[in-house]
Amino acid sequence: MPTPILTSPLPDLLTHTDGTPVTKESWSARREELVAILAENIYGEMPPPCPVQWVVSESEMTCAGFVRHDTVKLILHTPRGLFTFPIQVFVPTEAENPPCFLLLNFRDALPDRYFPIEEICNSGFAAAMVCYEDVTRDNGDFSDGIAPFLLDLPRTEATAGKITLWAYAASRVMDYLITRTDIDTAKVSLIGHSRLGKTALWAGANDDRFFCAINNMGGCAGAAVERFRNEGAETASRIARVFPFWFCEKYAYWANHVDEMPFDQHFLAAANIRADTPRRIYNCDAVLDRWANPAAEYLSVCEAARVFALLGEAQPFGGVEDTRIGVPELFIAENAEPFHVFGSRLGYHLRRGNHFLSRRDWVMYMTFLSGEKG
């Protein structure tokens, strides 16, 4: 198996665009640079927030009567009229002020294989869910869903793609969640799988209110460093060709000129780091999921640890040396050994199996957010 390599040096997280070194005091300005670079070159401009109203359309007790389930209709007052979409909220009745997950999900059906509601609530967490296609469909139709309410059409080079629209909706859900008195609104963690893992990281980069952004195997154009190539991993050129509507139109150029990019995906992980709030980042991979390029996702988290170290965070990534990057078999061999690293602000795990948001993943996320070592 060919050894993965960096095809060119990574743009440095700790150097400003004007070439000056980033300091602890200047990190906030650097983070703004990272968000602006990613918006201009990959995801498109985030539309400004709009007022949100809501109606609890149904409320019931579920999970043997220990969990309150609310179906809520969000009403967005956009510049071009009202747009509505539903969300589901589950709160354990036996937990006082529980932290909450917000899952960006592929389906609106309940129960759902990616959303183990009872296990989550029994572990002392609340959970909310929004189906991404209730916001806008996963295709190139920008007359669909929320898109025409927010975007000037036809799109220009920097107009938002669908990932940005899904991230925008996550923030509008947060507008609602912070009004609830039965959850810990300071500890709402956003989670997504695959393309919605990319979305979770991009939403977290744009919204200070999320406590943790959890990327479950987001891969290419998510957390996976594009310059770190692995056999069997998805490439930027492929994703931009097959899913151009996820991104702004400018990304099509960079996807075919990766070594010339003034950014890479470690920028996305680092853009979630605030100097003044105890936010967290978590990435997950599976040993058989070569498509998501696990080693490249791990490298992205290791790069983010440099930022936390600059900010004075003690052992942001558990004090573990970055020794696994040069040993690709630890990530993609069928007999690879699972491992996890929990730091004070960063989490990562590699598990057996393939591309999926599993119960095992949820257990790791809840362990990490509970402050346990796993």
Protein backbone atom coordinates (compact mmCIF):
# COMPACT_ATOMS: atom_id res chain seq x y z
CA MET A 1 0.00 0.00 0.00
CA PRO A 2 1.53 3.37 -0.95
CA THR A 3 2.51 5.58 1.95
CA PRO A 4 0.31 8.68 2.11
CA ILE A 5 2.12 11.94 1.67
CA LEU A 6 1.55 15.64 1.90
CA THR A 7 1.68 16.69 -1.74
CA SER A 8 2.69 20.21 -0.71
CA PRO A 9 3.20 22.10 2.57
CA LEU A 10 0.07 22.96 4.52
CA PRO A 11 -0.88 26.63 4.80
CA ASP A 12 0.06 27.54 8.35
CA LEU A 13 -2.76 28.08 10.81
CA LEU A 14 -0.51 30.25 12.94
CA THR A 15 0.47 32.78 10.26
CA HIS A 16 -1.83 35.67 9.36
CA THR A 17 -2.59 36.38 5.72
CA ASP A 18 -0.19 39.35 5.88
CA GLY A 19 2.62 36.99 6.93
CA THR A 20 2.82 37.99 10.58
CA PRO A 21 2.84 35.32 13.30
CA VAL A 22 -0.40 34.58 15.10
CA THR A 23 -0.31 35.25 18.83
CA LYS A 24 -2.71 34.34 21.61
CA GLU A 25 -4.02 37.90 21.46
CA SER A 26 -4.47 37.86 17.68
CA TRP A 27 -6.13 34.43 17.39
CA SER A 28 -9.64 35.92 17.19
CA ALA A 29 -8.59 37.95 14.17
CA ARG A 30 -6.98 34.87 12.62
CA ARG A 31 -10.14 32.86 13.15
CA GLU A 32 -12.10 35.53 11.28
CA GLU A 33 -9.58 35.22 8.45
CA LEU A 34 -10.10 31.45 8.32
CA VAL A 35 -13.91 31.76 8.17
CA ALA A 36 -13.66 34.37 5.42
CA ILE A 37 -11.24 32.22 3.38
CA LEU A 38 -13.48 29.16 3.66
CA ALA A 39 -16.60 31.14 2.77
CA GLU A 40 -14.96 32.68 -0.29
CA ASN A 41 -13.35 29.52 -1.60
CA ILE A 42 -15.45 26.50 -0.55
CA TYR A 43 -18.82 26.97 1.10
CA GLY A 44 -20.03 30.40 0.04
CA GLU A 45 -21.18 33.34 2.09
CA MET A 46 -23.36 32.65 5.13
CA PRO A 47 -26.64 34.61 4.85
CA PRO A 48 -27.36 36.95 7.77
CA PRO A 49 -29.62 35.59 10.52
CA CYS A 50 -33.34 36.25 10.39
CA PRO A 51 -36.02 36.41 13.12
CA VAL A 52 -37.42 33.03 14.19
CA GLN A 53 -40.77 32.12 15.72
CA TRP A 54 -41.93 28.66 16.73
CA VAL A 55 -44.99 26.62 17.52
CA VAL A 56 -44.97 23.39 19.53
CA SER A 57 -47.38 21.45 17.36
CA GLU A 58 -47.36 18.25 19.40
CA SER A 59 -46.04 17.11 22.77
CA GLU A 60 -46.07 13.60 24.24
CA MET A 61 -44.26 11.36 26.68
CA THR A 62 -42.21 8.57 25.13
CA CYS A 63 -39.49 6.02 25.99
CA ALA A 64 -41.60 4.39 28.72
CA GLY A 65 -42.73 7.81 29.91
CA PHE A 66 -39.28 9.08 30.86
CA VAL A 67 -38.75 11.41 27.88
CA ARG A 68 -40.75 14.39 26.70
CA HIS A 69 -41.01 14.57 22.90
CA ASP A 70 -41.91 17.92 21.33
CA THR A 71 -42.55 18.42 17.62
CA VAL A 72 -41.78 22.06 16.91
CA LYS A 73 -42.44 24.08 13.77
CA LEU A 74 -39.86 26.82 13.21
CA ILE A 75 -41.04 29.87 11.29
CA LEU A 76 -38.26 31.90 9.71
CA HIS A 77 -38.99 35.50 8.78
CA THR A 78 -36.66 35.76 5.81
CA PRO A 79 -36.21 38.84 3.60
CA ARG A 80 -38.45 37.13 1.02
CA GLY A 81 -41.20 35.81 3.25
CA LEU A 82 -41.90 33.03 5.72
CA PHE A 83 -40.18 29.66 5.53
CA THR A 84 -41.05 26.83 7.93
CA PHE A 85 -39.51 23.48 8.81
CA PRO A 86 -40.06 21.00 11.66
CA ILE A 87 -37.69 19.81 14.35
CA GLN A 88 -37.96 17.12 17.01
CA VAL A 89 -36.84 17.67 20.62
CA PHE A 90 -36.42 14.97 23.30
CA VAL A 91 -35.76 15.87 26.94
CA PRO A 92 -35.27 13.29 29.73
CA THR A 93 -37.57 14.06 32.65
CA GLU A 94 -35.19 12.60 35.24
CA ALA A 95 -32.22 14.84 34.31
CA GLU A 96 -32.03 18.42 35.53
CA ASN A 97 -30.81 20.94 32.95
CA PRO A 98 -29.23 18.28 30.69
CA PRO A 99 -26.75 19.07 27.92
CA CYS A 100 -28.21 18.62 24.45
CA PHE A 101 -27.24 17.16 21.09
CA LEU A 102 -28.55 18.67 17.87
CA LEU A 103 -28.41 16.05 15.12
CA LEU A 104 -28.46 17.05 11.48
CA ASN A 105 -30.04 13.92 10.05
CA PHE A 106 -30.80 12.39 6.67
CA ARG A 107 -34.33 11.26 7.50
CA ASP A 108 -37.28 12.63 9.42
CA ALA A 109 -38.63 9.20 10.43
CA LEU A 110 -38.64 8.18 14.08
CA PRO A 111 -37.13 5.93 15.24
CA ASP A 112 -34.05 6.29 13.04
CA ARG A 113 -30.92 4.15 12.82
CA TYR A 114 -28.63 7.17 13.35
CA PHE A 115 -30.59 8.55 16.31
CA PRO A 116 -30.76 6.27 19.39
CA ILE A 117 -33.07 8.55 21.35
CA GLU A 118 -33.63 6.35 24.38
CA GLU A 119 -29.94 5.59 24.89
CA ILE A 120 -29.06 9.28 24.61
CA CYS A 121 -31.72 10.40 27.07
CA ASN A 122 -30.98 7.54 29.49
CA SER A 123 -27.39 8.80 29.56
CA GLY A 124 -28.49 12.20 30.80
CA PHE A 125 -28.56 14.13 27.52
CA ALA A 126 -31.39 15.84 25.70
CA ALA A 127 -31.50 15.57 21.91
CA ALA A 128 -32.94 17.53 19.02
CA MET A 129 -33.08 16.55 15.36
CA VAL A 130 -33.65 18.31 12.06
CA CYS A 131 -33.91 16.52 8.70
CA TYR A 132 -31.67 18.30 6.22
CA GLU A 133 -34.04 17.88 3.28
CA ASP A 134 -36.78 19.65 5.23
CA VAL A 135 -34.49 22.68 4.79
CA THR A 136 -33.49 22.20 1.17
CA ARG A 137 -33.13 19.09 -0.95
CA ASP A 138 -29.78 17.48 -1.59
CA ASN A 139 -29.52 18.39 -5.27
CA GLY A 140 -28.66 21.26 -7.59
CA ASP A 141 -32.11 22.85 -7.51
CA PHE A 142 -31.71 26.24 -5.84
CA SER A 143 -35.37 27.05 -6.29
CA ASP A 144 -36.06 24.40 -3.64
CA GLY A 145 -36.70 24.82 0.08
CA ILE A 146 -35.06 27.72 1.87
CA ALA A 147 -32.64 28.55 -0.98
CA PRO A 148 -34.79 31.11 -2.86
CA PHE A 149 -35.71 32.78 0.44
CA LEU A 150 -32.04 33.57 1.18
CA LEU A 151 -30.06 33.60 -2.05
CA ASP A 152 -29.92 35.86 -5.09
CA LEU A 153 -30.26 33.64 -8.14
CA PRO A 154 -28.67 32.65 -10.39
CA ARG A 155 -25.72 31.98 -8.13
CA THR A 156 -22.44 33.83 -8.52
CA GLU A 157 -18.96 32.57 -7.69
CA ALA A 158 -19.28 33.16 -3.93
CA THR A 159 -22.99 32.34 -3.43
CA ALA A 160 -23.68 29.78 -0.73
CA GLY A 161 -23.98 26.10 -1.56
CA LYS A 162 -26.28 23.62 0.12
CA ILE A 163 -23.85 22.89 2.99
CA THR A 164 -24.08 26.55 4.00
CA LEU A 165 -27.88 26.47 3.83
CA TRP A 166 -28.03 23.39 6.07
CA ALA A 167 -25.59 25.07 8.47
CA TYR A 168 -27.75 28.21 8.44
CA ALA A 169 -30.77 26.13 9.44
CA ALA A 170 -28.81 24.59 12.34
CA SER A 171 -28.21 28.07 13.69
CA ARG A 172 -31.90 28.91 13.42
CA VAL A 173 -32.66 25.75 15.41
CA MET A 174 -30.18 27.05 17.97
CA ASP A 175 -32.14 30.31 18.08
CA TYR A 176 -35.02 28.23 19.38
CA LEU A 177 -33.10 25.89 21.66
CA ILE A 178 -31.52 28.70 23.67
CA THR A 179 -35.02 29.80 24.73
CA ARG A 180 -35.80 26.48 26.42
CA THR A 181 -35.55 26.29 30.20
CA ASP A 182 -35.35 22.48 30.42
CA ILE A 183 -31.90 22.04 28.80
CA ASP A 184 -28.43 23.48 29.38
CA THR A 185 -28.36 25.98 26.53
CA ALA A 186 -24.64 26.59 27.04
CA LYS A 187 -23.92 22.96 26.18
CA VAL A 188 -25.64 22.26 22.86
CA SER A 189 -23.40 20.09 20.68
CA LEU A 190 -24.00 19.88 16.93
CA ILE A 191 -23.45 16.51 15.25
CA GLY A 192 -23.61 15.32 11.65
CA HIS A 193 -22.53 12.28 9.67
CA SER A 194 -20.77 12.31 6.29
CA ARG A 195 -21.84 15.43 4.32
CA LEU A 196 -23.63 16.58 7.45
CA GLY A 197 -20.37 16.18 9.39
CA LYS A 198 -18.92 18.79 7.04
CA THR A 199 -22.01 20.87 7.75
CA ALA A 200 -21.62 20.57 11.53
CA LEU A 201 -18.06 21.90 11.37
CA TRP A 202 -19.04 24.77 9.07
CA ALA A 203 -22.00 25.69 11.29
CA GLY A 204 -19.74 25.64 14.34
CA ALA A 205 -17.23 27.87 12.61
CA ASN A 206 -19.95 30.47 12.01
CA ASP A 207 -21.92 30.23 15.26
CA ASP A 208 -20.29 30.82 18.65
CA ARG A 209 -23.17 29.25 20.55
CA PHE A 210 -22.48 25.59 19.76
CA PHE A 211 -20.55 23.95 22.59
CA CYS A 212 -19.03 21.20 20.45
CA ALA A 213 -18.97 20.49 16.71
CA ILE A 214 -18.94 16.74 16.06
CA ASN A 215 -17.84 15.52 12.65
CA ASN A 216 -18.72 11.86 12.14
CA MET A 217 -16.66 10.82 9.08
CA GLY A 218 -17.14 14.01 7.09
CA GLY A 219 -14.10 13.27 4.95
CA CYS A 220 -13.28 15.22 1.79
CA ALA A 221 -14.15 18.94 1.93
CA GLY A 222 -14.87 18.41 5.61
CA ALA A 223 -12.07 17.67 8.08
CA ALA A 224 -9.84 15.61 5.76
CA VAL A 225 -6.72 17.54 4.73
CA GLU A 226 -6.79 17.50 0.93
CA ARG A 227 -3.03 17.62 0.50
CA PHE A 228 -2.70 14.39 2.50
CA ARG A 229 -3.52 11.78 -0.11
CA ASN A 230 -4.38 8.18 0.65
CA GLU A 231 -5.16 5.29 -1.67
CA GLY A 232 -8.92 4.84 -1.87
CA ALA A 233 -9.81 8.26 -0.44
CA GLU A 234 -12.25 10.62 -2.11
CA THR A 235 -10.60 13.52 -3.92
CA ALA A 236 -11.55 17.17 -4.12
CA SER A 237 -11.82 16.97 -7.90
CA ARG A 238 -14.32 14.13 -7.65
CA ILE A 239 -16.50 15.69 -4.95
CA ALA A 240 -16.63 19.04 -6.76
CA ARG A 241 -17.67 17.28 -9.97
CA VAL A 242 -20.36 15.04 -8.42
CA PHE A 243 -21.72 17.42 -5.77
CA PRO A 244 -21.02 20.95 -7.06
CA PHE A 245 -24.18 22.23 -5.41
CA TRP A 246 -22.77 21.60 -1.92
CA PHE A 247 -20.21 24.35 -2.45
CA CYS A 248 -19.78 27.81 -3.89
CA GLU A 249 -18.85 27.79 -7.57
CA LYS A 250 -15.28 28.95 -6.91
CA TYR A 251 -14.46 25.61 -5.26
CA ALA A 252 -14.53 23.87 -8.65
CA TYR A 253 -11.28 25.65 -9.54
CA TRP A 254 -9.47 24.84 -6.30
CA ALA A 255 -10.63 21.23 -6.38
CA ASN A 256 -8.46 20.76 -9.45
CA HIS A 257 -5.54 22.82 -8.08
CA VAL A 258 -5.25 21.45 -4.56
CA ASP A 259 -1.54 22.20 -4.13
CA GLU A 260 -2.18 25.86 -4.96
CA MET A 261 -5.02 26.32 -2.44
CA PRO A 262 -4.45 29.14 0.06
CA PHE A 263 -6.20 26.90 2.61
CA ASP A 264 -6.81 23.29 3.52
CA GLN A 265 -9.37 21.55 5.67
CA HIS A 266 -7.44 22.00 8.93
CA PHE A 267 -8.68 25.59 8.58
CA LEU A 268 -12.23 24.31 9.09
CA ALA A 269 -11.44 22.48 12.33
CA ALA A 270 -9.45 25.44 13.66
CA ALA A 271 -12.19 27.92 12.74
CA ASN A 272 -14.27 26.29 15.49
CA ILE A 273 -11.82 27.41 18.17
CA ARG A 274 -12.64 30.55 20.14
CA ALA A 275 -10.11 32.26 22.36
CA ASP A 276 -12.62 33.17 25.05
CA THR A 277 -15.03 30.21 25.28
CA PRO A 278 -14.43 26.56 26.28
CA ARG A 279 -15.61 25.06 23.00
CA ARG A 280 -14.79 21.55 21.85
CA ILE A 281 -14.20 19.68 18.58
CA TYR A 282 -14.60 15.96 17.91
CA ASN A 283 -13.80 13.90 14.81
CA CYS A 284 -14.51 10.20 14.26
CA ASP A 285 -13.46 7.67 11.63
CA ALA A 286 -13.75 3.95 10.86
CA VAL A 287 -10.92 1.66 9.81
CA LEU A 288 -12.70 0.43 6.68
CA ASP A 289 -13.88 3.86 5.59
CA ARG A 290 -10.98 4.70 3.32
CA TRP A 291 -13.22 7.03 1.32
CA ALA A 292 -13.31 9.50 4.24
CA ASN A 293 -9.48 9.46 4.51
CA PRO A 294 -9.21 8.84 8.28
CA ALA A 295 -5.52 9.71 8.56
CA ALA A 296 -6.17 13.07 6.89
CA GLU A 297 -9.00 13.79 9.33
CA TYR A 298 -6.76 12.91 12.24
CA LEU A 299 -4.08 15.25 10.89
CA SER A 300 -6.65 18.05 10.83
CA VAL A 301 -7.38 17.55 14.53
CA CYS A 302 -3.67 17.44 15.34
CA GLU A 303 -3.26 20.77 13.57
CA ALA A 304 -6.14 22.23 15.58
CA ALA A 305 -4.36 21.11 18.76
CA ARG A 306 -1.57 23.57 17.90
CA VAL A 307 -4.08 26.40 18.18
CA PHE A 308 -5.36 25.24 21.54
CA ALA A 309 -1.75 25.00 22.73
CA LEU A 310 -1.14 28.58 21.57
CA LEU A 311 -4.13 29.68 23.62
CA GLY A 312 -2.64 28.07 26.70
CA GLU A 313 -4.90 25.03 26.92
CA ALA A 314 -3.24 22.31 28.95
CA GLN A 315 -3.09 19.05 27.01
CA PRO A 316 -5.71 19.99 24.39
CA PHE A 317 -5.27 16.60 22.77
CA GLY A 318 -4.27 14.51 25.74
CA GLY A 319 -0.55 15.18 25.36
CA VAL A 320 -0.30 12.37 22.81
CA GLU A 321 2.40 12.80 20.19
CA ASP A 322 1.29 12.79 16.57
CA THR A 323 2.80 9.39 15.75
CA ARG A 324 -0.05 7.78 13.83
CA ILE A 325 -0.02 10.01 10.75
CA GLY A 326 3.01 8.31 9.24
CA VAL A 327 1.55 4.84 9.80
CA PRO A 328 -1.45 4.62 7.46
CA GLU A 329 -2.08 0.97 8.27
CA LEU A 330 -3.30 2.09 11.70
CA PHE A 331 -6.15 3.85 9.94
CA ILE A 332 -7.10 1.83 6.88
CA ALA A 333 -5.96 -1.77 7.36
CA GLU A 334 -8.75 -4.25 7.96
CA ASN A 335 -7.09 -5.36 11.19
CA ALA A 336 -6.33 -1.85 12.41
CA GLU A 337 -6.62 -1.36 16.14
CA PRO A 338 -9.26 1.13 17.26
CA PHE A 339 -8.05 3.96 19.46
CA HIS A 340 -9.31 7.18 20.94
CA VAL A 341 -7.68 10.32 22.22
CA PHE A 342 -9.55 12.58 24.61
CA GLY A 343 -7.99 15.92 25.43
CA SER A 344 -9.38 18.82 27.39
CA ARG A 345 -10.90 20.34 24.25
CA LEU A 346 -10.37 17.85 21.43
CA GLY A 347 -11.64 14.34 20.87
CA TYR A 348 -10.95 11.72 18.22
CA HIS A 349 -11.73 8.05 17.83
CA LEU A 350 -11.12 5.41 15.21
CA ARG A 351 -13.38 2.38 15.45
CA ARG A 352 -13.76 -0.86 13.56
CA GLY A 353 -16.31 -1.12 10.79
CA ASN A 354 -17.38 1.17 8.01
CA HIS A 355 -19.13 4.45 7.17
CA PHE A 356 -21.97 4.80 9.67
CA LEU A 357 -23.14 6.81 12.68
CA SER A 358 -23.30 3.98 15.20
CA ARG A 359 -24.25 3.44 18.83
CA ARG A 360 -20.54 3.00 19.53
CA ASP A 361 -19.91 6.49 18.18
CA TRP A 362 -22.67 7.99 20.31
CA VAL A 363 -21.21 6.34 23.43
CA MET A 364 -17.83 7.91 22.70
CA TYR A 365 -19.35 11.35 22.16
CA MET A 366 -21.32 11.17 25.39
CA THR A 367 -18.27 9.95 27.29
CA PHE A 368 -16.16 12.80 25.97
CA LEU A 369 -18.76 15.45 26.70
CA SER A 370 -19.25 14.06 30.20
CA GLY A 371 -15.60 14.76 30.90
CA GLU A 372 -14.70 11.09 31.23
CA LYS A 373 -11.59 9.42 29.79
CA GLY A 374 -13.38 6.55 28.05
